[in-house]
Amino acid sequence: MSLIDKAKDKAQQLAGGAKEKLGNATDNEEMRDSGKADQTKGEAKEAGHDLRDKATGAVQDAKEKFSRDDR
């Protein structure tokens, strides 16, 4: 995952948390729920990027192993 993607995911989570807190403080359920949704979306994106990175790493490791075994 690029650092930019990771930063965007974290920023979405942080903004969602702030929105949720503001919604709680102002008794605004719509804002609170929107903040929770933003946090969840950011977490899901981050998890997806992490899985993609792990899969990419596993493929690269397998390629390296097979290329060494062919020698």
N, C-alpha and C. Protein backbone atom coordinates (compact mmCIF):
# COMPACT_ATOMS: atom_id res chain seq x y z
N MET A 1 0.86 -1.17 0.00
CA MET A 1 0.00 0.00 0.00
C MET A 1 0.90 1.22 0.00
N SER A 2 0.50 2.15 -0.76
CA SER A 2 1.30 3.37 -0.76
C SER A 2 1.04 4.16 0.52
N LEU A 3 1.99 4.94 0.88
CA LEU A 3 1.83 5.77 2.07
C LEU A 3 0.69 6.76 1.92
N ILE A 4 0.46 7.19 0.70
CA ILE A 4 -0.64 8.14 0.45
C ILE A 4 -1.97 7.47 0.71
N ASP A 5 -2.14 6.22 0.24
CA ASP A 5 -3.38 5.49 0.49
C ASP A 5 -3.60 5.30 1.98
N LYS A 6 -2.53 4.92 2.67
CA LYS A 6 -2.64 4.68 4.11
C LYS A 6 -3.01 5.98 4.83
N ALA A 7 -2.42 7.08 4.43
CA ALA A 7 -2.73 8.37 5.04
C ALA A 7 -4.18 8.77 4.78
N LYS A 8 -4.66 8.51 3.58
CA LYS A 8 -6.06 8.82 3.25
C LYS A 8 -7.01 7.98 4.10
N ASP A 9 -6.69 6.70 4.26
CA ASP A 9 -7.54 5.82 5.07
C ASP A 9 -7.59 6.31 6.52
N LYS A 10 -6.43 6.65 7.07
CA LYS A 10 -6.37 7.14 8.45
C LYS A 10 -7.09 8.48 8.59
N ALA A 11 -6.93 9.34 7.60
CA ALA A 11 -7.60 10.64 7.65
C ALA A 11 -9.12 10.46 7.64
N GLN A 12 -9.60 9.53 6.84
CA GLN A 12 -11.04 9.28 6.81
C GLN A 12 -11.52 8.77 8.16
N GLN A 13 -10.73 7.92 8.78
CA GLN A 13 -11.10 7.39 10.10
C GLN A 13 -11.11 8.51 11.14
N LEU A 14 -10.10 9.36 11.12
CA LEU A 14 -10.01 10.46 12.08
C LEU A 14 -11.14 11.47 11.88
N ALA A 15 -11.41 11.80 10.62
CA ALA A 15 -12.50 12.74 10.33
C ALA A 15 -13.83 12.15 10.77
N GLY A 16 -14.01 10.87 10.54
CA GLY A 16 -15.23 10.21 10.97
C GLY A 16 -15.39 10.23 12.47
N GLY A 17 -14.29 10.03 13.18
CA GLY A 17 -14.33 10.08 14.64
C GLY A 17 -14.70 11.46 15.14
N ALA A 18 -14.14 12.47 14.51
CA ALA A 18 -14.46 13.85 14.90
C ALA A 18 -15.92 14.16 14.61
N LYS A 19 -16.40 13.71 13.46
CA LYS A 19 -17.79 13.94 13.08
C LYS A 19 -18.73 13.23 14.07
N GLU A 20 -18.36 12.02 14.44
CA GLU A 20 -19.18 11.26 15.40
C GLU A 20 -19.24 12.00 16.74
N LYS A 21 -18.10 12.48 17.22
CA LYS A 21 -18.06 13.20 18.50
C LYS A 21 -18.88 14.48 18.43
N LEU A 22 -18.77 15.19 17.32
CA LEU A 22 -19.55 16.41 17.16
C LEU A 22 -21.05 16.09 17.13
N GLY A 23 -21.40 15.02 16.45
CA GLY A 23 -22.79 14.58 16.42
C GLY A 23 -23.31 14.23 17.80
N ASN A 24 -22.48 13.57 18.60
CA ASN A 24 -22.86 13.25 19.98
C ASN A 24 -23.03 14.52 20.80
N ALA A 25 -22.08 15.44 20.65
CA ALA A 25 -22.11 16.67 21.44
C ALA A 25 -23.31 17.55 21.10
N THR A 26 -23.73 17.52 19.85
CA THR A 26 -24.84 18.37 19.42
C THR A 26 -26.16 17.60 19.33
N ASP A 27 -26.12 16.34 19.76
CA ASP A 27 -27.29 15.47 19.71
C ASP A 27 -27.84 15.36 18.29
N ASN A 28 -26.92 15.28 17.32
CA ASN A 28 -27.27 15.17 15.91
C ASN A 28 -27.00 13.73 15.47
N GLU A 29 -28.05 12.92 15.44
CA GLU A 29 -27.89 11.50 15.12
C GLU A 29 -27.38 11.28 13.71
N GLU A 30 -27.84 12.10 12.78
CA GLU A 30 -27.40 11.94 11.39
C GLU A 30 -25.90 12.16 11.26
N MET A 31 -25.37 13.19 11.92
CA MET A 31 -23.94 13.46 11.87
C MET A 31 -23.17 12.35 12.58
N ARG A 32 -23.68 11.91 13.72
CA ARG A 32 -23.02 10.84 14.47
C ARG A 32 -22.93 9.58 13.61
N ASP A 33 -24.05 9.21 13.00
CA ASP A 33 -24.08 8.00 12.18
C ASP A 33 -23.19 8.13 10.95
N SER A 34 -23.15 9.31 10.37
CA SER A 34 -22.29 9.56 9.22
C SER A 34 -20.81 9.42 9.62
N GLY A 35 -20.49 9.91 10.81
CA GLY A 35 -19.12 9.78 11.31
C GLY A 35 -18.73 8.33 11.52
N LYS A 36 -19.64 7.56 12.10
CA LYS A 36 -19.37 6.14 12.30
C LYS A 36 -19.16 5.44 10.95
N ALA A 37 -19.99 5.80 9.97
CA ALA A 37 -19.87 5.20 8.64
C ALA A 37 -18.53 5.56 8.01
N ASP A 38 -18.10 6.80 8.15
CA ASP A 38 -16.80 7.21 7.61
C ASP A 38 -15.66 6.42 8.24
N GLN A 39 -15.75 6.22 9.55
CA GLN A 39 -14.71 5.45 10.24
C GLN A 39 -14.67 4.01 9.71
N THR A 40 -15.84 3.42 9.57
CA THR A 40 -15.92 2.04 9.10
C THR A 40 -15.39 1.92 7.68
N LYS A 41 -15.72 2.87 6.82
CA LYS A 41 -15.22 2.84 5.44
C LYS A 41 -13.70 2.94 5.42
N GLY A 42 -13.15 3.84 6.24
CA GLY A 42 -11.69 3.99 6.29
C GLY A 42 -11.02 2.72 6.79
N GLU A 43 -11.62 2.08 7.80
CA GLU A 43 -11.07 0.83 8.33
C GLU A 43 -11.13 -0.28 7.28
N ALA A 44 -12.25 -0.35 6.56
CA ALA A 44 -12.41 -1.38 5.53
C ALA A 44 -11.40 -1.19 4.41
N LYS A 45 -11.20 0.06 3.99
CA LYS A 45 -10.21 0.33 2.94
C LYS A 45 -8.82 -0.07 3.40
N GLU A 46 -8.50 0.27 4.65
CA GLU A 46 -7.19 -0.06 5.19
C GLU A 46 -6.99 -1.57 5.22
N ALA A 47 -8.01 -2.30 5.67
CA ALA A 47 -7.93 -3.76 5.71
C ALA A 47 -7.76 -4.34 4.31
N GLY A 48 -8.48 -3.79 3.35
CA GLY A 48 -8.36 -4.25 1.97
C GLY A 48 -6.97 -4.01 1.42
N HIS A 49 -6.42 -2.85 1.70
CA HIS A 49 -5.05 -2.56 1.25
C HIS A 49 -4.06 -3.50 1.91
N ASP A 50 -4.24 -3.77 3.20
CA ASP A 50 -3.34 -4.68 3.92
C ASP A 50 -3.38 -6.09 3.31
N LEU A 51 -4.60 -6.57 3.01
CA LEU A 51 -4.73 -7.89 2.40
C LEU A 51 -4.06 -7.94 1.03
N ARG A 52 -4.26 -6.88 0.25
CA ARG A 52 -3.65 -6.82 -1.08
C ARG A 52 -2.12 -6.86 -0.96
N ASP A 53 -1.59 -6.10 0.01
CA ASP A 53 -0.15 -6.07 0.20
C ASP A 53 0.40 -7.43 0.62
N LYS A 54 -0.33 -8.12 1.51
CA LYS A 54 0.10 -9.45 1.95
C LYS A 54 0.08 -10.42 0.78
N ALA A 55 -0.96 -10.36 -0.04
CA ALA A 55 -1.04 -11.25 -1.19
C ALA A 55 0.08 -10.97 -2.18
N THR A 56 0.35 -9.70 -2.42
CA THR A 56 1.43 -9.33 -3.32
C THR A 56 2.76 -9.84 -2.79
N GLY A 57 2.97 -9.70 -1.48
CA GLY A 57 4.20 -10.19 -0.87
C GLY A 57 4.33 -11.69 -0.97
N ALA A 58 3.22 -12.42 -0.78
CA ALA A 58 3.25 -13.88 -0.88
C ALA A 58 3.58 -14.31 -2.30
N VAL A 59 3.02 -13.64 -3.29
CA VAL A 59 3.31 -13.97 -4.68
C VAL A 59 4.78 -13.71 -4.98
N GLN A 60 5.28 -12.58 -4.51
CA GLN A 60 6.70 -12.25 -4.74
C GLN A 60 7.61 -13.27 -4.08
N ASP A 61 7.27 -13.68 -2.84
CA ASP A 61 8.07 -14.69 -2.14
C ASP A 61 8.07 -16.01 -2.90
N ALA A 62 6.91 -16.40 -3.42
CA ALA A 62 6.82 -17.65 -4.19
C ALA A 62 7.65 -17.56 -5.46
N LYS A 63 7.59 -16.43 -6.15
CA LYS A 63 8.39 -16.26 -7.37
C LYS A 63 9.87 -16.39 -7.06
N GLU A 64 10.30 -15.76 -5.96
CA GLU A 64 11.71 -15.82 -5.59
C GLU A 64 12.13 -17.24 -5.23
N LYS A 65 11.27 -17.96 -4.53
CA LYS A 65 11.58 -19.34 -4.14
C LYS A 65 11.72 -20.22 -5.38
N PHE A 66 10.77 -20.09 -6.30
CA PHE A 66 10.84 -20.92 -7.50
C PHE A 66 12.02 -20.55 -8.38
N SER A 67 12.35 -19.29 -8.43
CA SER A 67 13.50 -18.91 -9.27
C SER A 67 14.79 -19.42 -8.66
N ARG A 68 14.88 -19.50 -7.35
CA ARG A 68 16.07 -20.06 -6.71
C ARG A 68 16.13 -21.57 -6.89
N ASP A 69 14.96 -22.23 -6.84
CA ASP A 69 14.91 -23.67 -6.98
C ASP A 69 15.25 -24.13 -8.40
N ASP A 70 15.05 -23.26 -9.38
CA ASP A 70 15.32 -23.61 -10.77
C ASP A 70 16.82 -23.62 -11.08
N ARG A 71 17.60 -23.07 -10.24
CA ARG A 71 19.05 -22.96 -10.51
C ARG A 71 19.77 -24.23 -10.23
